[in-house]
Every structure is written in C-alpha cells, then in structure tokens.
C-alpha cells in the first residue's frame, strides 16, 4: 500500500510537470491530463498549495493553478531528471 507521501510525490509530479510546461492550468484540465480522479487532483492541488508549490486563483467557478517560484524550481529539476533518464534509455 502506498503511503500518502509516496502517492503525493509520484502522482503529483505529473501535476507539477504539466504546470511547468503550460504555465497555468485548471483543476479540470489537470484531471484530464492525469490518471487520477478529480477528487485526488483537487486534494493534491490543495496540499501543494499548503506547502507552497502551487498557487490558485478563482475566475468565476474555475480554479486556475500556477506554480510558485519554489514549485517552478522543483518542477524544473524533475524535468531535468526525466530528460537524463530518457537519454540513458537511447
């Protein structure tokens, strides 16, 4: 059974990378991009917001997510690791 930290990290990385690549995204778009449930995406966004990786703004009924500086730095490092791993598999 995955711990909450493992679940948050491994599945949540997808959210960080998506925001890193696109600059912003709605919770609904993040849900469509991931294999997580909408509720899980929303919970992950709230957790990342609490620890300072993501900030959100409401536009009407839509929640827009953005990376904070800290979140951007972390997502950048994850993306670099991903690139290195892909190079090693060539």
N, C-alpha and C. Protein backbone atom coordinates (compact mmCIF):
# COMPACT_ATOMS: atom_id res chain seq x y z
N UNK A 1 0.85 -1.19 0.00
CA UNK A 1 0.00 0.00 0.00
C UNK A 1 0.89 1.25 0.00
N UNK A 2 0.58 2.19 -0.90
CA UNK A 2 1.37 3.41 -0.98
C UNK A 2 1.09 4.30 0.21
N UNK A 3 2.13 4.94 0.71
CA UNK A 3 1.91 5.93 1.76
C UNK A 3 1.41 7.21 1.12
N UNK A 4 0.86 8.09 1.94
CA UNK A 4 0.35 9.36 1.43
C UNK A 4 1.46 10.18 0.78
N UNK A 5 2.66 10.13 1.35
CA UNK A 5 3.79 10.88 0.79
C UNK A 5 4.17 10.32 -0.58
N UNK A 6 4.26 8.99 -0.70
CA UNK A 6 4.58 8.38 -1.99
C UNK A 6 3.53 8.71 -3.03
N UNK A 7 2.28 8.59 -2.65
CA UNK A 7 1.18 8.87 -3.56
C UNK A 7 1.23 10.33 -4.01
N UNK A 8 1.45 11.24 -3.08
CA UNK A 8 1.51 12.66 -3.38
C UNK A 8 2.68 12.95 -4.29
N UNK A 9 3.83 12.33 -4.04
CA UNK A 9 5.00 12.62 -4.84
C UNK A 9 4.87 12.04 -6.24
N UNK A 10 4.70 10.74 -6.35
CA UNK A 10 4.74 10.11 -7.66
C UNK A 10 3.62 10.56 -8.58
N UNK A 11 2.42 10.58 -8.10
CA UNK A 11 1.32 11.02 -8.95
C UNK A 11 1.27 12.53 -9.07
N UNK A 12 1.67 13.22 -8.03
CA UNK A 12 1.65 14.67 -8.05
C UNK A 12 2.69 15.28 -8.97
N UNK A 13 3.74 14.52 -9.27
CA UNK A 13 4.76 15.00 -10.18
C UNK A 13 4.14 15.36 -11.53
N UNK A 14 3.18 14.59 -11.95
CA UNK A 14 2.50 14.84 -13.23
C UNK A 14 1.88 16.24 -13.22
N UNK A 15 1.30 16.62 -12.11
CA UNK A 15 0.69 17.95 -11.98
C UNK A 15 1.75 19.03 -12.08
N UNK A 16 2.85 18.85 -11.36
CA UNK A 16 3.93 19.85 -11.40
C UNK A 16 4.50 20.01 -12.80
N UNK A 17 4.74 18.90 -13.49
CA UNK A 17 5.31 18.95 -14.83
C UNK A 17 4.33 19.60 -15.81
N UNK A 18 3.07 19.28 -15.69
CA UNK A 18 2.05 19.89 -16.56
C UNK A 18 2.02 21.41 -16.38
N UNK A 19 2.06 21.86 -15.14
CA UNK A 19 2.08 23.30 -14.89
C UNK A 19 3.39 23.92 -15.35
N UNK A 20 4.47 23.20 -15.22
CA UNK A 20 5.78 23.68 -15.67
C UNK A 20 5.77 23.90 -17.18
N UNK A 21 5.17 22.97 -17.91
CA UNK A 21 5.15 23.05 -19.37
C UNK A 21 4.16 24.10 -19.88
N UNK A 22 3.03 24.26 -19.19
CA UNK A 22 1.96 25.13 -19.69
C UNK A 22 1.85 26.47 -18.98
N UNK A 23 2.48 26.62 -17.83
CA UNK A 23 2.41 27.88 -17.11
C UNK A 23 1.20 28.00 -16.20
N UNK A 24 0.08 27.50 -16.65
CA UNK A 24 -1.15 27.51 -15.84
C UNK A 24 -2.07 26.41 -16.33
N UNK A 25 -2.99 26.03 -15.49
CA UNK A 25 -3.96 25.01 -15.88
C UNK A 25 -5.11 25.03 -14.88
N UNK A 26 -6.27 24.64 -15.35
CA UNK A 26 -7.39 24.49 -14.43
C UNK A 26 -7.30 23.12 -13.77
N UNK A 27 -7.97 22.97 -12.66
CA UNK A 27 -8.02 21.66 -11.99
C UNK A 27 -8.65 20.64 -12.93
N UNK A 28 -9.67 21.04 -13.67
CA UNK A 28 -10.32 20.13 -14.63
C UNK A 28 -9.36 19.67 -15.71
N UNK A 29 -8.52 20.58 -16.22
CA UNK A 29 -7.54 20.20 -17.24
C UNK A 29 -6.49 19.26 -16.65
N UNK A 30 -6.06 19.52 -15.43
CA UNK A 30 -5.10 18.63 -14.77
C UNK A 30 -5.70 17.23 -14.60
N UNK A 31 -6.96 17.19 -14.24
CA UNK A 31 -7.67 15.91 -14.09
C UNK A 31 -7.66 15.14 -15.42
N UNK A 32 -7.95 15.84 -16.51
CA UNK A 32 -7.98 15.19 -17.83
C UNK A 32 -6.60 14.69 -18.24
N UNK A 33 -5.56 15.38 -17.82
CA UNK A 33 -4.20 15.03 -18.21
C UNK A 33 -3.65 13.84 -17.40
N UNK A 34 -4.12 13.69 -16.17
CA UNK A 34 -3.59 12.64 -15.29
C UNK A 34 -4.48 11.41 -15.31
N UNK A 35 -4.04 10.39 -14.60
CA UNK A 35 -4.86 9.19 -14.43
C UNK A 35 -5.54 9.19 -13.07
N UNK A 36 -5.47 10.32 -12.38
CA UNK A 36 -6.05 10.42 -11.04
C UNK A 36 -7.52 10.83 -11.13
N UNK A 37 -8.25 10.58 -10.07
CA UNK A 37 -9.63 11.04 -10.01
C UNK A 37 -9.63 12.56 -9.81
N UNK A 38 -10.75 13.18 -10.13
CA UNK A 38 -10.87 14.63 -9.96
C UNK A 38 -10.64 15.01 -8.50
N UNK A 39 -11.20 14.23 -7.60
CA UNK A 39 -11.05 14.49 -6.17
C UNK A 39 -9.59 14.42 -5.74
N UNK A 40 -8.87 13.42 -6.25
CA UNK A 40 -7.46 13.26 -5.93
C UNK A 40 -6.64 14.44 -6.47
N UNK A 41 -6.93 14.86 -7.68
CA UNK A 41 -6.23 16.03 -8.25
C UNK A 41 -6.50 17.25 -7.39
N UNK A 42 -7.74 17.46 -7.03
CA UNK A 42 -8.11 18.62 -6.22
C UNK A 42 -7.41 18.57 -4.85
N UNK A 43 -7.38 17.40 -4.23
CA UNK A 43 -6.68 17.24 -2.94
C UNK A 43 -5.18 17.51 -3.08
N UNK A 44 -4.59 17.01 -4.15
CA UNK A 44 -3.16 17.22 -4.39
C UNK A 44 -2.86 18.69 -4.61
N UNK A 45 -3.71 19.37 -5.37
CA UNK A 45 -3.54 20.81 -5.60
C UNK A 45 -3.60 21.55 -4.26
N UNK A 46 -4.57 21.21 -3.43
CA UNK A 46 -4.68 21.87 -2.11
C UNK A 46 -3.45 21.61 -1.24
N UNK A 47 -2.96 20.37 -1.26
CA UNK A 47 -1.77 20.03 -0.48
C UNK A 47 -0.56 20.79 -1.00
N UNK A 48 -0.38 20.80 -2.31
CA UNK A 48 0.75 21.54 -2.90
C UNK A 48 0.63 23.04 -2.63
N UNK A 49 -0.58 23.52 -2.56
CA UNK A 49 -0.79 24.94 -2.23
C UNK A 49 -0.36 25.21 -0.78
N UNK A 50 -0.71 24.30 0.12
CA UNK A 50 -0.34 24.46 1.54
C UNK A 50 1.17 24.44 1.75
N UNK A 51 1.89 23.64 0.95
CA UNK A 51 3.35 23.56 1.13
C UNK A 51 4.11 24.51 0.22
N UNK A 52 3.36 25.35 -0.50
CA UNK A 52 3.99 26.44 -1.25
C UNK A 52 4.50 26.10 -2.63
N UNK A 53 3.99 25.03 -3.25
CA UNK A 53 4.42 24.68 -4.60
C UNK A 53 3.50 25.25 -5.67
N UNK A 54 2.24 25.43 -5.32
CA UNK A 54 1.23 25.90 -6.27
C UNK A 54 0.45 27.04 -5.63
N UNK A 55 0.01 27.96 -6.46
CA UNK A 55 -0.94 28.97 -6.02
C UNK A 55 -2.15 28.87 -6.94
N UNK A 56 -3.31 29.20 -6.44
CA UNK A 56 -4.52 29.14 -7.26
C UNK A 56 -5.26 30.47 -7.22
N UNK A 57 -5.98 30.73 -8.28
CA UNK A 57 -6.85 31.91 -8.35
C UNK A 57 -8.18 31.46 -8.94
N UNK A 58 -9.25 31.97 -8.36
CA UNK A 58 -10.59 31.65 -8.87
C UNK A 58 -10.97 32.67 -9.94
N UNK A 59 -11.43 32.17 -11.07
CA UNK A 59 -12.01 33.00 -12.12
C UNK A 59 -13.42 32.49 -12.32
N UNK A 60 -14.36 33.13 -11.66
CA UNK A 60 -15.73 32.63 -11.65
C UNK A 60 -15.76 31.33 -10.87
N UNK A 61 -16.24 30.27 -11.51
CA UNK A 61 -16.30 28.96 -10.85
C UNK A 61 -15.07 28.11 -11.13
N UNK A 62 -14.13 28.64 -11.91
CA UNK A 62 -12.96 27.87 -12.33
C UNK A 62 -11.76 28.22 -11.47
N UNK A 63 -11.03 27.19 -11.03
CA UNK A 63 -9.81 27.38 -10.25
C UNK A 63 -8.62 27.22 -11.19
N UNK A 64 -7.82 28.29 -11.33
CA UNK A 64 -6.62 28.27 -12.16
C UNK A 64 -5.42 28.03 -11.26
N UNK A 65 -4.56 27.09 -11.65
CA UNK A 65 -3.38 26.73 -10.87
C UNK A 65 -2.12 27.26 -11.54
N UNK A 66 -1.19 27.73 -10.73
CA UNK A 66 0.10 28.23 -11.18
C UNK A 66 1.18 27.69 -10.26
N UNK A 67 2.37 27.50 -10.77
CA UNK A 67 3.49 27.15 -9.92
C UNK A 67 4.02 28.38 -9.21
N UNK A 68 4.41 28.23 -7.97
CA UNK A 68 5.13 29.29 -7.26
C UNK A 68 6.59 29.21 -7.71
N UNK A 69 7.41 30.14 -7.27
CA UNK A 69 8.85 30.07 -7.59
C UNK A 69 9.44 28.74 -7.10
N UNK A 70 9.08 28.37 -5.89
CA UNK A 70 9.56 27.10 -5.31
C UNK A 70 9.08 25.92 -6.15
N UNK A 71 7.81 25.93 -6.53
CA UNK A 71 7.26 24.86 -7.36
C UNK A 71 7.92 24.80 -8.73
N UNK A 72 8.21 25.97 -9.30
CA UNK A 72 8.88 26.03 -10.59
C UNK A 72 10.28 25.43 -10.52
N UNK A 73 11.01 25.76 -9.46
CA UNK A 73 12.37 25.22 -9.30
C UNK A 73 12.33 23.70 -9.16
N UNK A 74 11.39 23.20 -8.37
CA UNK A 74 11.28 21.75 -8.18
C UNK A 74 10.86 21.06 -9.48
N UNK A 75 9.88 21.61 -10.18
CA UNK A 75 9.43 21.03 -11.44
C UNK A 75 10.55 21.05 -12.48
N UNK A 76 11.35 22.10 -12.47
CA UNK A 76 12.48 22.19 -13.39
C UNK A 76 13.49 21.07 -13.13
N UNK A 77 13.76 20.81 -11.87
CA UNK A 77 14.68 19.72 -11.53
C UNK A 77 14.11 18.36 -11.93
N UNK A 78 12.83 18.16 -11.71
CA UNK A 78 12.19 16.90 -12.09
C UNK A 78 12.26 16.71 -13.59
N UNK A 79 12.01 17.77 -14.33
CA UNK A 79 12.06 17.70 -15.79
C UNK A 79 13.47 17.38 -16.27
N UNK A 80 14.48 17.93 -15.63
CA UNK A 80 15.87 17.63 -15.99
C UNK A 80 16.19 16.17 -15.72
N UNK A 81 15.73 15.65 -14.60
CA UNK A 81 15.93 14.24 -14.28
C UNK A 81 15.26 13.36 -15.32
N UNK A 82 14.05 13.72 -15.70
CA UNK A 82 13.31 12.97 -16.71
C UNK A 82 14.08 12.95 -18.03
N UNK A 83 14.64 14.10 -18.42
CA UNK A 83 15.42 14.19 -19.65
C UNK A 83 16.66 13.28 -19.60
N UNK A 84 17.36 13.30 -18.46
CA UNK A 84 18.55 12.46 -18.30
C UNK A 84 18.19 10.99 -18.39
N UNK A 85 17.10 10.60 -17.76
CA UNK A 85 16.67 9.21 -17.81
C UNK A 85 16.33 8.79 -19.24
N UNK A 86 15.71 9.67 -20.00
CA UNK A 86 15.37 9.36 -21.39
C UNK A 86 16.62 9.22 -22.24
N UNK A 87 17.64 10.05 -21.97
CA UNK A 87 18.91 9.96 -22.70
C UNK A 87 19.57 8.63 -22.43
N UNK A 88 19.53 8.17 -21.22
CA UNK A 88 20.16 6.90 -20.86
C UNK A 88 19.46 5.70 -21.49
N UNK A 89 18.21 5.86 -21.89
CA UNK A 89 17.46 4.76 -22.48
C UNK A 89 17.59 4.72 -23.99
N UNK A 90 18.35 5.61 -24.58
CA UNK A 90 18.50 5.62 -26.06
C UNK A 90 19.48 4.58 -26.51
